C-alpha cells in the first residue's frame, strides 16, 4: 500500500481550499502522482512547477486520464473546461507535497536515517555501507530513497509516499541544492538518525546548499524527530555542532581524529575508520550487534 488521501485530508493537511469542481465522496482516498504520463485512474495529480515545465499545463491530461482531481497553486484561472472536476488550491504545490509526505511518514513512523552527501558524487561511501548493513539486517522492511542529486525534490517527496505499512526503516542521502530545498526535504523526512560526513559538510560549506553551512546545520537539526535524535558526525562538523547542543537536545556523537575510538575487529586501523565508525554507531542505535555488522566488513572488504 502506498500513501492515499481523501479530499478532506488534503484540505486539512495542506490548508488548501476547493477552488473549482465538486468534492469527491468522503470515503474516496487516492494516491498522489506528479506526472500525468504515469497517473493511474482515480489518483490525485499534483501540479508541480519546474524549470522547464509547469504541471498546470497538464490539468486536462489529468482529467482525461481519469484522475480524481488535482492539487494546484492559487491562480486566477485554470486551463480545464470541466466545472465538476475538483481542483484543490494551495499556496505552493511543492510545499503541499512536502506536508503530505511528512504526514504519511509520521503515520507509519519508521526509523529514518539521513546521511549528508555530495551532489557531485552521490551514493557516498557511508551511504553504501549503511545500505549494506540495513538491507542485510532489515531486508524488505527497509525503504531506500535515492540521493536527491539523482532525484529532483518532487520525485524525492513522492518516493517517501511509497513507504508502506511493512516499512520500519528508511535510508535517505541528502544532497540539497539550496537551503530551501534542504529545509523542504528534512521537514518531510523528520530523521531520527543524522550522519554528517566530512564530504557532505564540505558540500554545504562550499555553497552547494546556497547558504551558510551553520544555517544548513541548523535546518538539519531543527527538522529532526525530537523524540529520538542522534547526530553522528565526522570532523570538522563536530566542532560546529557544539554551538547547537543547548538549542537541540539529543545525543551528538563526534569522531575525534586526534583520539580515534576503537572499532570491532581492529577496523580502527582502516583508512575508512571514520566511515566505519559512523556505520557502527548508527547500527548500535538501531539495536544491531557489532558482530553482525562486523561480518559485513573486513579489512579487505572495507
Protein backbone atom coordinates (compact mmCIF):
# COMPACT_ATOMS: atom_id res chain seq x y z
CA UNK A 1 0.00 0.00 0.00
CA UNK A 2 1.25 3.47 -0.89
CA UNK A 3 0.07 6.75 0.63
CA UNK A 4 -3.56 7.60 -0.03
CA UNK A 5 -5.53 10.69 0.98
CA UNK A 6 -9.14 11.79 0.85
CA UNK A 7 -10.04 15.28 -0.33
CA UNK A 8 -10.85 16.26 3.26
CA UNK A 9 -7.43 15.08 4.43
CA UNK A 10 -5.66 17.00 1.67
CA UNK A 11 -7.56 20.17 2.54
CA UNK A 12 -6.70 19.82 6.22
CA UNK A 13 -3.03 18.84 5.81
CA UNK A 14 -2.23 21.46 3.17
CA UNK A 15 -4.62 24.16 4.45
CA UNK A 16 -5.93 24.34 0.90
CA UNK A 17 -9.37 25.18 -0.47
CA UNK A 18 -11.69 23.74 -3.09
CA UNK A 19 -11.13 26.25 -5.90
CA UNK A 20 -13.24 24.50 -8.51
CA UNK A 21 -15.42 21.44 -9.01
CA UNK A 22 -17.19 19.11 -6.63
CA UNK A 23 -15.83 17.35 -3.55
CA UNK A 24 -15.36 13.59 -4.02
CA UNK A 25 -17.06 11.18 -1.66
CA UNK A 26 -15.66 11.33 1.88
CA UNK A 27 -14.56 7.69 1.71
CA UNK A 28 -12.65 8.08 -1.57
CA UNK A 29 -8.93 8.01 -0.79
CA UNK A 30 -6.39 8.01 -3.59
CA UNK A 31 -2.64 8.06 -4.15
CA UNK A 32 -0.72 11.07 -5.45
CA UNK A 33 1.05 11.45 -8.78
CA UNK A 34 3.24 14.25 -10.18
CA UNK A 35 3.42 13.05 -13.80
CA UNK A 36 0.30 12.70 -15.97
CA UNK A 37 2.15 10.15 -18.13
CA UNK A 38 2.21 7.80 -15.16
CA UNK A 39 -1.06 8.69 -13.46
CA UNK A 40 -3.43 5.89 -12.51
CA UNK A 41 -7.16 6.26 -12.80
CA UNK A 42 -8.59 7.67 -9.60
CA UNK A 43 -5.34 9.28 -8.38
CA UNK A 44 -4.71 12.89 -7.37
CA UNK A 45 -2.46 14.85 -9.72
CA UNK A 46 -0.12 17.33 -8.01
CA UNK A 47 0.72 20.14 -10.44
CA UNK A 48 4.36 20.98 -9.69
CA UNK A 49 6.27 23.71 -11.45
CA UNK A 50 9.85 23.09 -12.61
CA UNK A 51 12.48 25.00 -14.53
CA UNK A 52 11.29 23.55 -17.85
CA UNK A 53 7.70 22.60 -17.19
CA UNK A 54 4.55 23.60 -15.37
CA UNK A 55 2.20 20.86 -14.23
CA UNK A 56 -0.71 23.28 -14.51
CA UNK A 57 -0.41 22.97 -18.29
CA UNK A 58 -1.42 19.30 -17.99
CA UNK A 59 -4.61 19.52 -15.92
CA UNK A 60 -6.61 18.48 -18.98
CA UNK A 61 -4.40 15.41 -19.39
CA UNK A 62 -5.02 14.51 -15.74
CA UNK A 63 -8.76 14.84 -16.28
CA UNK A 64 -8.75 12.71 -19.45
CA UNK A 65 -6.61 10.07 -17.69
CA UNK A 66 -9.30 9.60 -15.06
CA UNK A 67 -7.69 11.46 -12.16
CA UNK A 68 -9.85 12.03 -9.10
CA UNK A 69 -8.79 15.67 -9.04
CA UNK A 70 -5.77 17.97 -8.96
CA UNK A 71 -3.80 19.86 -6.36
CA UNK A 72 -2.91 23.24 -7.87
CA UNK A 73 -1.31 26.52 -6.88
CA UNK A 74 -3.56 29.51 -6.28
CA UNK A 75 -4.22 31.17 -9.64
CA UNK A 76 -6.90 33.32 -11.22
CA UNK A 77 -8.00 30.58 -13.61
CA UNK A 78 -7.09 27.07 -14.71
CA UNK A 79 -6.84 25.58 -18.23
CA UNK A 80 -9.58 22.98 -17.87
CA UNK A 81 -13.13 23.11 -19.14
CA UNK A 82 -14.82 20.72 -16.67
CA UNK A 83 -16.72 22.58 -13.97
CA UNK A 84 -17.20 19.47 -11.81
CA UNK A 85 -13.56 18.25 -11.77
CA UNK A 86 -12.16 19.08 -8.29
CA UNK A 87 -9.18 21.40 -8.02
CA UNK A 88 -7.72 21.90 -4.54
CA UNK A 89 -5.76 25.16 -4.47
CA UNK A 90 -2.77 25.64 -2.16
CA UNK A 91 -0.18 28.40 -1.79
CA UNK A 92 2.59 26.22 -3.21
CA UNK A 93 2.16 22.70 -4.60
CA UNK A 94 5.71 21.54 -3.71
CA UNK A 95 5.21 22.68 -0.10
CA UNK A 96 1.84 20.90 -0.09
CA UNK A 97 3.50 17.71 -1.34
CA UNK A 98 6.04 18.08 1.48
CA UNK A 99 3.27 18.37 4.05
CA UNK A 100 1.53 15.27 2.69
CA UNK A 101 4.79 13.29 2.65
CA UNK A 102 5.56 14.37 6.21
CA UNK A 103 2.07 13.34 7.32
CA UNK A 104 2.49 9.89 5.75
CA UNK A 105 5.97 9.44 7.25
CA UNK A 106 4.57 10.25 10.69
CA UNK A 107 1.63 7.90 10.26
CA UNK A 108 3.90 4.94 9.53
CA UNK A 109 6.62 6.14 11.94
CA UNK A 110 9.65 4.23 10.58
CA UNK A 111 13.17 4.90 11.84
CA UNK A 112 14.65 7.32 9.32
CA UNK A 113 18.41 7.53 8.78
CA UNK A 114 19.61 10.56 6.80
CA UNK A 115 23.17 10.98 5.53
CA UNK A 116 24.68 14.18 4.14
CA UNK A 117 26.18 13.60 0.72
CA UNK A 118 27.75 15.40 -2.19
CA UNK A 119 25.73 16.34 -5.25
CA UNK A 120 28.81 15.81 -7.44
CA UNK A 121 29.28 12.27 -6.14
CA UNK A 122 26.00 10.70 -4.99
CA UNK A 123 25.87 7.33 -3.24
CA UNK A 124 28.80 8.16 -0.96
CA UNK A 125 30.77 5.54 0.94
CA UNK A 126 28.84 5.91 4.19
CA UNK A 127 25.56 5.64 2.28
CA UNK A 128 26.80 2.50 0.54
CA UNK A 129 27.92 0.97 3.84
CA UNK A 130 24.70 1.84 5.64
CA UNK A 131 22.71 0.43 2.74
CA UNK A 132 24.61 -2.85 3.02
CA UNK A 133 24.09 -3.07 6.78
CA UNK A 134 20.42 -2.09 6.76
CA UNK A 135 19.42 -4.19 3.76
CA UNK A 136 21.15 -7.22 5.27
CA UNK A 137 19.55 -6.68 8.68
CA UNK A 138 16.08 -5.45 7.76
CA UNK A 139 15.54 -6.85 4.24
CA UNK A 140 12.09 -5.94 2.93
CA UNK A 141 11.39 -3.70 5.93
CA UNK A 142 13.89 -1.15 4.54
CA UNK A 143 12.95 1.63 2.13
CA UNK A 144 15.89 3.29 0.35
CA UNK A 145 15.31 6.67 -1.29
CA UNK A 146 17.95 7.53 -3.93
CA UNK A 147 20.03 10.67 -3.26
CA UNK A 148 18.46 14.00 -4.11
CA UNK A 149 21.35 14.56 -6.51
CA UNK A 150 19.63 11.84 -8.53
CA UNK A 151 16.00 12.70 -7.74
CA UNK A 152 14.55 16.22 -8.00
CA UNK A 153 12.71 17.36 -4.84
CA UNK A 154 9.26 16.46 -6.14
CA UNK A 155 10.35 12.92 -7.02
CA UNK A 156 12.16 12.53 -3.68
CA UNK A 157 8.98 13.51 -1.81
CA UNK A 158 6.93 11.16 -3.98
CA UNK A 159 9.38 8.37 -3.11
CA UNK A 160 8.55 8.93 0.56
CA UNK A 161 4.89 8.45 -0.29
CA UNK A 162 5.66 4.92 -1.47
CA UNK A 163 6.50 3.86 2.08
CA UNK A 164 4.10 1.12 3.09
CA UNK A 165 2.97 -0.39 6.38
CA UNK A 166 5.74 -3.03 6.30
CA UNK A 167 8.46 -0.36 6.20
CA UNK A 168 10.22 0.02 9.52
CA UNK A 169 13.41 1.72 8.34
CA UNK A 170 14.15 4.37 5.72
CA UNK A 171 17.58 5.41 4.39
CA UNK A 172 18.00 8.74 2.62
CA UNK A 173 21.06 10.61 1.31
CA UNK A 174 20.64 14.39 1.46
CA UNK A 175 22.30 16.29 -1.36
CA UNK A 176 20.48 19.65 -1.31
CA UNK A 177 20.88 22.33 -3.95
CA UNK A 178 19.77 25.15 -1.63
CA UNK A 179 18.86 25.90 1.96
CA UNK A 180 15.18 25.98 0.96
CA UNK A 181 15.46 22.51 -0.58
CA UNK A 182 17.30 21.22 2.48
CA UNK A 183 14.53 22.56 4.74
CA UNK A 184 11.84 21.10 2.49
CA UNK A 185 13.34 17.60 2.44
CA UNK A 186 14.30 17.37 6.10
CA UNK A 187 10.88 18.65 7.17
CA UNK A 188 9.30 15.75 5.28
CA UNK A 189 11.89 13.20 6.42
CA UNK A 190 11.92 14.18 10.10
CA UNK A 191 15.01 11.94 10.56
CA UNK A 192 15.75 10.05 13.76
CA UNK A 193 19.43 9.49 13.00
CA UNK A 194 21.53 12.01 11.07
CA UNK A 195 25.03 11.19 9.83
CA UNK A 196 27.05 14.25 8.82
CA UNK A 197 30.02 13.18 6.73
CA UNK A 198 33.05 15.33 6.02
CA UNK A 199 32.21 15.17 2.33
CA UNK A 200 28.62 16.21 2.90
CA UNK A 201 29.64 19.02 5.22
CA UNK A 202 32.22 20.27 2.74
CA UNK A 203 29.50 20.32 0.09
CA UNK A 204 27.32 22.51 2.32
CA UNK A 205 30.22 24.75 3.22
CA UNK A 206 31.25 25.19 -0.41
CA UNK A 207 27.87 26.66 -1.16
CA UNK A 208 26.12 23.59 -2.54
CA UNK A 209 23.21 24.42 -0.24
CA UNK A 210 23.16 28.04 -1.36
CA UNK A 211 23.82 29.45 2.09
CA UNK A 212 25.93 29.35 5.22
CA UNK A 213 26.96 25.91 6.50
CA UNK A 214 25.90 26.87 10.03
CA UNK A 215 22.44 27.75 8.74
CA UNK A 216 22.34 24.39 6.96
CA UNK A 217 23.28 22.54 10.15
CA UNK A 218 20.56 24.43 11.98
CA UNK A 219 17.98 23.35 9.38
CA UNK A 220 19.10 19.74 9.69
CA UNK A 221 18.86 19.69 13.48
CA UNK A 222 15.63 21.69 13.67
CA UNK A 223 13.86 19.21 11.41
CA UNK A 224 14.92 16.06 13.22
CA UNK A 225 12.42 13.97 15.18
CA UNK A 226 12.73 15.41 18.73
CA UNK A 227 11.56 12.15 20.29
CA UNK A 228 14.68 10.29 19.24
CA UNK A 229 17.52 12.43 17.95
CA UNK A 230 21.02 11.09 17.34
CA UNK A 231 23.57 13.08 15.34
CA UNK A 232 26.73 11.28 14.22
CA UNK A 233 29.45 13.48 12.77
CA UNK A 234 32.91 13.17 11.35
CA UNK A 235 35.30 16.07 11.92
CA UNK A 236 35.14 19.01 11.27
CA UNK A 237 31.33 19.30 11.58
CA UNK A 238 31.53 18.13 15.19
CA UNK A 239 33.18 21.37 16.28
CA UNK A 240 30.42 23.39 14.66
CA UNK A 241 27.72 21.17 16.16
CA UNK A 242 28.84 22.14 19.66
CA UNK A 243 27.19 25.51 19.04
CA UNK A 244 23.79 23.83 18.75
CA UNK A 245 23.88 21.43 21.69
CA UNK A 246 21.86 23.66 24.02
CA UNK A 247 19.30 24.51 21.34
CA UNK A 248 18.73 20.97 20.07
CA UNK A 249 18.78 18.44 22.91
CA UNK A 250 19.74 14.94 21.93
CA UNK A 251 22.83 12.84 21.54
CA UNK A 252 25.65 14.12 19.39
CA UNK A 253 28.49 11.67 18.73
CA UNK A 254 31.63 13.10 17.09
CA UNK A 255 34.58 11.19 15.68
CA UNK A 256 37.75 12.57 17.26
CA UNK A 257 40.51 12.16 14.70
CA UNK A 258 43.14 13.04 17.30
CA UNK A 259 41.98 10.20 19.55
CA UNK A 260 40.23 7.63 17.30
CA UNK A 261 37.76 5.38 19.12
CA UNK A 262 38.30 1.62 19.00
CA UNK A 263 36.33 -0.37 16.41
CA UNK A 264 35.44 -4.07 16.42
CA UNK A 265 37.84 -6.36 14.62
CA UNK A 266 40.67 -3.84 14.68
CA UNK A 267 39.00 -1.77 11.97
CA UNK A 268 40.23 1.44 13.58
CA UNK A 269 43.39 0.83 11.55
CA UNK A 270 41.48 1.03 8.31
CA UNK A 271 41.78 4.11 6.12
CA UNK A 272 37.98 4.16 6.25
CA UNK A 273 37.87 4.21 10.06
CA UNK A 274 35.76 7.39 10.20
CA UNK A 275 33.19 5.97 7.82
CA UNK A 276 33.06 2.65 9.65
CA UNK A 277 32.69 4.40 13.00
CA UNK A 278 29.62 6.23 11.64
CA UNK A 279 28.13 2.94 10.48
CA UNK A 280 28.76 1.07 13.75
CA UNK A 281 27.42 3.97 15.84
CA UNK A 282 24.21 4.17 13.82
CA UNK A 283 23.81 0.39 13.78
CA UNK A 284 24.06 0.19 17.57
CA UNK A 285 21.34 2.83 17.86
CA UNK A 286 19.11 0.59 15.75
CA UNK A 287 19.74 -2.38 18.05
CA UNK A 288 22.19 -4.23 15.80
CA UNK A 289 25.08 -6.16 17.29
CA UNK A 290 28.69 -5.27 16.45
CA UNK A 291 29.39 -8.87 15.45
CA UNK A 292 26.61 -8.83 12.87
CA UNK A 293 27.87 -5.58 11.37
CA UNK A 294 31.48 -6.73 11.52
CA UNK A 295 30.60 -9.82 9.49
CA UNK A 296 29.79 -7.50 6.59
CA UNK A 297 33.09 -5.60 6.78
CA UNK A 298 36.62 -6.93 6.95
CA UNK A 299 39.90 -5.22 6.28
CA UNK A 300 39.69 -6.48 2.71
CA UNK A 301 36.02 -5.70 2.01
CA UNK A 302 36.20 -2.28 3.67
